[in-house]
Amino acid sequence: MPTATATTTRAKRAASRTNRKESLASAKPADAIKILKDDHREVKTWFKEFEKLEDDAEKEALARKICQALKLHAQIEEEIFYPALRNAIADGDLLDEAEVEHASAKRLIAEIQAMTPDDRLFDAKIKVLGEYVMHHVGEEENEIFPEARESGVDLLALGSSLAKRKKEMKVKMTAS
């Protein structure tokens, strides 16, 4: 079982990585797909990390972090990314399916946020959420993103809008 010092050190390293990534992101504009893929990689790492945790406090903190990140990610996709693609890509059904997947994930997120690690199904719900998310990520990265690249949509401008909205939402979340 990790010591409190090891846990603190891991948390500091993670915060440092996040700060470095945010600094780099603000220095160079990223296209929308890069921003969304970065989110995908980050949350995928957290799901893997969750599987290894044994301490309930660490599990709860990471679960909250995963849920917040997924809510934020889904919101910027639904508000900005999907509408921008709606008339630009050939297969609008992909976007409809993605929105339905978001709705399912949001329901599960709400259930998880109402739980604690002491609840019998807490770990199972995180695992299933991870499976939903990985399925969704696969469809986005293999189907929606290639169509977006071919669509002629200005992905840099869209990336700027996503980054701006994401930053606004993070500030709002921190204030509450």
C-alpha atoms as a PDB file:
ATOM      1  CA  MET A   1       0.000   0.000   0.000  1.00  0.00           C
ATOM      2  CA  PRO A   2       1.448   3.397  -0.954  1.00  0.00           C
ATOM      3  CA  THR A   3       2.538   5.697   1.825  1.00  0.00           C
ATOM      4  CA  ALA A   4       1.109   9.156   2.318  1.00  0.00           C
ATOM      5  CA  THR A   5       4.428  10.591   1.108  1.00  0.00           C
ATOM      6  CA  ALA A   6       4.308   8.528  -2.102  1.00  0.00           C
ATOM      7  CA  THR A   7       0.725   9.632  -2.709  1.00  0.00           C
ATOM      8  CA  THR A   8       1.641  13.290  -2.157  1.00  0.00           C
ATOM      9  CA  THR A   9       4.649  12.967  -4.474  1.00  0.00           C
ATOM     10  CA  ARG A  10       2.468  11.401  -7.184  1.00  0.00           C
ATOM     11  CA  ALA A  11      -0.083  14.188  -6.815  1.00  0.00           C
ATOM     12  CA  LYS A  12       2.629  16.866  -7.085  1.00  0.00           C
ATOM     13  CA  ARG A  13       4.059  15.234 -10.221  1.00  0.00           C
ATOM     14  CA  ALA A  14       0.606  15.037 -11.803  1.00  0.00           C
ATOM     15  CA  ALA A  15      -0.056  18.705 -11.004  1.00  0.00           C
ATOM     16  CA  SER A  16       3.308  19.653 -12.493  1.00  0.00           C
ATOM     17  CA  ARG A  17       2.528  17.711 -15.697  1.00  0.00           C
ATOM     18  CA  THR A  18      -0.861  19.405 -15.930  1.00  0.00           C
ATOM     19  CA  ASN A  19       0.689  22.862 -15.453  1.00  0.00           C
ATOM     20  CA  ARG A  20       3.329  22.141 -18.111  1.00  0.00           C
ATOM     21  CA  LYS A  21       0.670  20.933 -20.551  1.00  0.00           C
ATOM     22  CA  GLU A  22      -1.486  24.006 -19.931  1.00  0.00           C
ATOM     23  CA  SER A  23       1.517  26.306 -20.468  1.00  0.00           C
ATOM     24  CA  LEU A  24       2.404  24.586 -23.729  1.00  0.00           C
ATOM     25  CA  ALA A  25      -1.226  24.609 -24.844  1.00  0.00           C
ATOM     26  CA  SER A  26      -1.557  28.331 -24.276  1.00  0.00           C
ATOM     27  CA  ALA A  27       1.690  29.025 -26.157  1.00  0.00           C
ATOM     28  CA  LYS A  28       0.649  27.280 -29.374  1.00  0.00           C
ATOM     29  CA  PRO A  29      -2.897  27.035 -30.708  1.00  0.00           C
ATOM     30  CA  ALA A  30      -4.073  23.450 -31.114  1.00  0.00           C
ATOM     31  CA  ASP A  31      -6.655  22.185 -33.500  1.00  0.00           C
ATOM     32  CA  ALA A  32      -9.913  20.816 -32.117  1.00  0.00           C
ATOM     33  CA  ILE A  33      -8.995  17.193 -32.713  1.00  0.00           C
ATOM     34  CA  LYS A  34      -5.713  17.516 -30.821  1.00  0.00           C
ATOM     35  CA  ILE A  35      -7.498  19.080 -27.845  1.00  0.00           C
ATOM     36  CA  LEU A  36     -10.111  16.331 -27.777  1.00  0.00           C
ATOM     37  CA  LYS A  37      -7.527  13.554 -28.240  1.00  0.00           C
ATOM     38  CA  ASP A  38      -5.462  15.005 -25.393  1.00  0.00           C
ATOM     39  CA  ASP A  39      -8.557  14.807 -23.182  1.00  0.00           C
ATOM     40  CA  HIS A  40      -9.088  11.212 -24.288  1.00  0.00           C
ATOM     41  CA  ARG A  41      -5.527  10.211 -23.403  1.00  0.00           C
ATOM     42  CA  GLU A  42      -5.673  11.947 -20.040  1.00  0.00           C
ATOM     43  CA  VAL A  43      -8.882  10.269 -18.922  1.00  0.00           C
ATOM     44  CA  LYS A  44      -7.747   6.890 -20.281  1.00  0.00           C
ATOM     45  CA  THR A  45      -4.658   7.189 -18.056  1.00  0.00           C
ATOM     46  CA  TRP A  46      -6.825   8.026 -15.059  1.00  0.00           C
ATOM     47  CA  PHE A  47      -9.067   4.991 -15.616  1.00  0.00           C
ATOM     48  CA  LYS A  48      -5.969   2.746 -15.686  1.00  0.00           C
ATOM     49  CA  GLU A  49      -4.667   4.470 -12.556  1.00  0.00           C
ATOM     50  CA  PHE A  50      -8.018   3.932 -10.793  1.00  0.00           C
ATOM     51  CA  GLU A  51      -7.797   0.163 -11.365  1.00  0.00           C
ATOM     52  CA  LYS A  52      -4.557   0.044  -9.361  1.00  0.00           C
ATOM     53  CA  LEU A  53      -5.779   2.065  -6.388  1.00  0.00           C
ATOM     54  CA  GLU A  54      -6.699   0.446  -3.095  1.00  0.00           C
ATOM     55  CA  ASP A  55      -7.093   3.468  -0.832  1.00  0.00           C
ATOM     56  CA  ASP A  56     -10.716   4.672  -0.717  1.00  0.00           C
ATOM     57  CA  ALA A  57      -9.786   8.348  -0.375  1.00  0.00           C
ATOM     58  CA  GLU A  58      -7.556   8.140  -3.452  1.00  0.00           C
ATOM     59  CA  LYS A  59     -10.267   6.278  -5.366  1.00  0.00           C
ATOM     60  CA  GLU A  60     -12.853   8.875  -4.478  1.00  0.00           C
ATOM     61  CA  ALA A  61     -10.602  11.791  -5.443  1.00  0.00           C
ATOM     62  CA  LEU A  62      -9.683  10.230  -8.783  1.00  0.00           C
ATOM     63  CA  ALA A  63     -13.285   9.257  -9.517  1.00  0.00           C
ATOM     64  CA  ARG A  64     -14.364  12.872  -8.920  1.00  0.00           C
ATOM     65  CA  LYS A  65     -11.565  14.095 -11.192  1.00  0.00           C
ATOM     66  CA  ILE A  66     -12.595  11.653 -13.946  1.00  0.00           C
ATOM     67  CA  CYS A  67     -16.256  12.641 -13.679  1.00  0.00           C
ATOM     68  CA  GLN A  68     -15.496  16.380 -13.816  1.00  0.00           C
ATOM     69  CA  ALA A  69     -13.177  15.955 -16.796  1.00  0.00           C
ATOM     70  CA  LEU A  70     -15.745  13.878 -18.679  1.00  0.00           C
ATOM     71  CA  LYS A  71     -18.550  16.338 -17.980  1.00  0.00           C
ATOM     72  CA  LEU A  72     -16.404  19.213 -19.207  1.00  0.00           C
ATOM     73  CA  HIS A  73     -15.276  17.280 -22.295  1.00  0.00           C
ATOM     74  CA  ALA A  74     -18.819  16.236 -23.213  1.00  0.00           C
ATOM     75  CA  GLN A  75     -20.077  19.780 -22.796  1.00  0.00           C
ATOM     76  CA  ILE A  76     -17.511  21.347 -25.136  1.00  0.00           C
ATOM     77  CA  GLU A  77     -18.161  18.650 -27.705  1.00  0.00           C
ATOM     78  CA  GLU A  78     -21.937  19.132 -27.502  1.00  0.00           C
ATOM     79  CA  GLU A  79     -21.819  22.953 -27.436  1.00  0.00           C
ATOM     80  CA  ILE A  80     -19.096  23.555 -30.007  1.00  0.00           C
ATOM     81  CA  PHE A  81     -17.559  20.558 -31.792  1.00  0.00           C
ATOM     82  CA  TYR A  82     -20.623  18.545 -32.822  1.00  0.00           C
ATOM     83  CA  PRO A  83     -22.663  21.554 -33.995  1.00  0.00           C
ATOM     84  CA  ALA A  84     -19.720  22.737 -36.121  1.00  0.00           C
ATOM     85  CA  LEU A  85     -19.602  19.331 -37.807  1.00  0.00           C
ATOM     86  CA  ARG A  86     -23.348  18.760 -38.092  1.00  0.00           C
ATOM     87  CA  ASN A  87     -23.648  20.074 -41.667  1.00  0.00           C
ATOM     88  CA  ALA A  88     -20.040  19.508 -42.659  1.00  0.00           C
ATOM     89  CA  ILE A  89     -19.661  15.733 -42.439  1.00  0.00           C
ATOM     90  CA  ALA A  90     -21.405  13.145 -44.554  1.00  0.00           C
ATOM     91  CA  ASP A  91     -22.602  10.884 -41.728  1.00  0.00           C
ATOM     92  CA  GLY A  92     -24.673  12.886 -39.244  1.00  0.00           C
ATOM     93  CA  ASP A  93     -25.756   9.605 -37.619  1.00  0.00           C
ATOM     94  CA  LEU A  94     -22.282   9.404 -36.052  1.00  0.00           C
ATOM     95  CA  LEU A  95     -22.942  12.638 -34.185  1.00  0.00           C
ATOM     96  CA  ASP A  96     -26.378  11.449 -33.085  1.00  0.00           C
ATOM     97  CA  GLU A  97     -24.837   8.250 -31.703  1.00  0.00           C
ATOM     98  CA  ALA A  98     -22.130  10.238 -29.953  1.00  0.00           C
ATOM     99  CA  GLU A  99     -24.743  12.395 -28.237  1.00  0.00           C
ATOM    100  CA  VAL A 100     -26.649   9.295 -27.096  1.00  0.00           C
ATOM    101  CA  GLU A 101     -23.384   7.872 -25.735  1.00  0.00           C
ATOM    102  CA  HIS A 102     -22.800  11.134 -23.880  1.00  0.00           C
ATOM    103  CA  ALA A 103     -26.266  10.918 -22.325  1.00  0.00           C
ATOM    104  CA  SER A 104     -25.582   7.373 -21.086  1.00  0.00           C
ATOM    105  CA  ALA A 105     -22.216   8.390 -19.669  1.00  0.00           C
ATOM    106  CA  LYS A 106     -23.742  11.443 -17.952  1.00  0.00           C
ATOM    107  CA  ARG A 107     -26.326   9.269 -16.206  1.00  0.00           C
ATOM    108  CA  LEU A 108     -23.580   6.973 -14.944  1.00  0.00           C
ATOM    109  CA  ILE A 109     -21.462   9.963 -13.890  1.00  0.00           C
ATOM    110  CA  ALA A 110     -24.394  11.329 -11.868  1.00  0.00           C
ATOM    111  CA  GLU A 111     -24.770   7.955 -10.138  1.00  0.00           C
ATOM    112  CA  ILE A 112     -21.038   7.808  -9.367  1.00  0.00           C
ATOM    113  CA  GLN A 113     -21.023  11.363  -8.027  1.00  0.00           C
ATOM    114  CA  ALA A 114     -23.821  10.413  -5.625  1.00  0.00           C
ATOM    115  CA  MET A 115     -21.769   7.498  -4.281  1.00  0.00           C
ATOM    116  CA  THR A 116     -18.702   6.875  -2.164  1.00  0.00           C
ATOM    117  CA  PRO A 117     -16.157   4.072  -2.455  1.00  0.00           C
ATOM    118  CA  ASP A 118     -17.992   2.351   0.415  1.00  0.00           C
ATOM    119  CA  ASP A 119     -20.970   1.769  -1.875  1.00  0.00           C
ATOM    120  CA  ARG A 120     -21.040  -1.756  -3.244  1.00  0.00           C
ATOM    121  CA  LEU A 121     -21.125  -0.831  -6.941  1.00  0.00           C
ATOM    122  CA  PHE A 122     -18.758   2.158  -6.890  1.00  0.00           C
ATOM    123  CA  ASP A 123     -15.776   0.375  -8.477  1.00  0.00           C
ATOM    124  CA  ALA A 124     -18.016  -1.463 -10.947  1.00  0.00           C
ATOM    125  CA  LYS A 125     -19.614   1.779 -12.103  1.00  0.00           C
ATOM    126  CA  ILE A 126     -16.218   3.402 -12.646  1.00  0.00           C
ATOM    127  CA  LYS A 127     -15.132   0.352 -14.644  1.00  0.00           C
ATOM    128  CA  VAL A 128     -18.278   0.425 -16.803  1.00  0.00           C
ATOM    129  CA  LEU A 129     -17.923   4.182 -17.307  1.00  0.00           C
ATOM    130  CA  GLY A 130     -14.364   3.544 -18.493  1.00  0.00           C
ATOM    131  CA  GLU A 131     -15.617   0.927 -20.943  1.00  0.00           C
ATOM    132  CA  TYR A 132     -18.307   3.319 -22.257  1.00  0.00           C
ATOM    133  CA  VAL A 133     -15.773   6.082 -22.626  1.00  0.00           C
ATOM    134  CA  MET A 134     -13.214   3.886 -24.418  1.00  0.00           C
ATOM    135  CA  HIS A 135     -15.904   2.720 -26.854  1.00  0.00           C
ATOM    136  CA  HIS A 136     -16.938   6.331 -27.471  1.00  0.00           C
ATOM    137  CA  VAL A 137     -13.308   7.442 -27.887  1.00  0.00           C
ATOM    138  CA  GLY A 138     -12.732   4.678 -30.435  1.00  0.00           C
ATOM    139  CA  GLU A 139     -15.692   5.813 -32.529  1.00  0.00           C
ATOM    140  CA  GLU A 140     -14.687   9.463 -32.328  1.00  0.00           C
ATOM    141  CA  GLU A 141     -11.049   8.881 -33.190  1.00  0.00           C
ATOM    142  CA  ASN A 142     -11.677   6.298 -35.929  1.00  0.00           C
ATOM    143  CA  GLU A 143     -14.836   7.676 -37.508  1.00  0.00           C
ATOM    144  CA  ILE A 144     -15.756  11.245 -36.517  1.00  0.00           C
ATOM    145  CA  PHE A 145     -12.288  12.800 -36.409  1.00  0.00           C
ATOM    146  CA  PRO A 146     -11.238  11.555 -39.879  1.00  0.00           C
ATOM    147  CA  GLU A 147     -14.476  12.951 -41.322  1.00  0.00           C
ATOM    148  CA  ALA A 148     -13.879  16.222 -39.470  1.00  0.00           C
ATOM    149  CA  ARG A 149     -10.387  16.477 -41.000  1.00  0.00           C
ATOM    150  CA  GLU A 150     -11.812  15.964 -44.485  1.00  0.00           C
ATOM    151  CA  SER A 151     -14.777  18.303 -43.961  1.00  0.00           C
ATOM    152  CA  GLY A 152     -13.083  21.637 -44.525  1.00  0.00           C
ATOM    153  CA  VAL A 153     -14.121  22.873 -41.064  1.00  0.00           C
ATOM    154  CA  ASP A 154     -11.501  25.257 -39.643  1.00  0.00           C
ATOM    155  CA  LEU A 155     -10.158  22.978 -36.917  1.00  0.00           C
ATOM    156  CA  LEU A 156      -7.740  25.611 -35.578  1.00  0.00           C
ATOM    157  CA  ALA A 157     -10.536  28.129 -35.041  1.00  0.00           C
ATOM    158  CA  LEU A 158     -12.668  25.372 -33.571  1.00  0.00           C
ATOM    159  CA  GLY A 159      -9.774  24.384 -31.299  1.00  0.00           C
ATOM    160  CA  SER A 160      -9.489  27.965 -30.124  1.00  0.00           C
ATOM    161  CA  SER A 161     -13.201  28.002 -29.285  1.00  0.00           C
ATOM    162  CA  LEU A 162     -12.941  24.669 -27.450  1.00  0.00           C
ATOM    163  CA  ALA A 163      -9.926  25.814 -25.436  1.00  0.00           C
ATOM    164  CA  LYS A 164     -11.571  29.120 -24.521  1.00  0.00           C
ATOM    165  CA  ARG A 165     -14.820  27.454 -23.419  1.00  0.00           C
ATOM    166  CA  LYS A 166     -12.954  24.770 -21.505  1.00  0.00           C
ATOM    167  CA  LYS A 167     -10.966  27.416 -19.642  1.00  0.00           C
ATOM    168  CA  GLU A 168     -14.154  29.355 -18.797  1.00  0.00           C
ATOM    169  CA  MET A 169     -15.809  26.218 -17.468  1.00  0.00           C
ATOM    170  CA  LYS A 170     -12.779  25.282 -15.367  1.00  0.00           C
ATOM    171  CA  VAL A 171     -12.758  28.730 -13.774  1.00  0.00           C
ATOM    172  CA  LYS A 172     -16.479  28.430 -13.068  1.00  0.00           C
ATOM    173  CA  MET A 173     -16.032  24.925 -11.571  1.00  0.00           C
ATOM    174  CA  THR A 174     -13.200  26.111  -9.346  1.00  0.00           C
ATOM    175  CA  ALA A 175     -15.262  29.057  -8.121  1.00  0.00           C
ATOM    176  CA  SER A 176     -18.189  26.848  -7.089  1.00  0.00           C
END
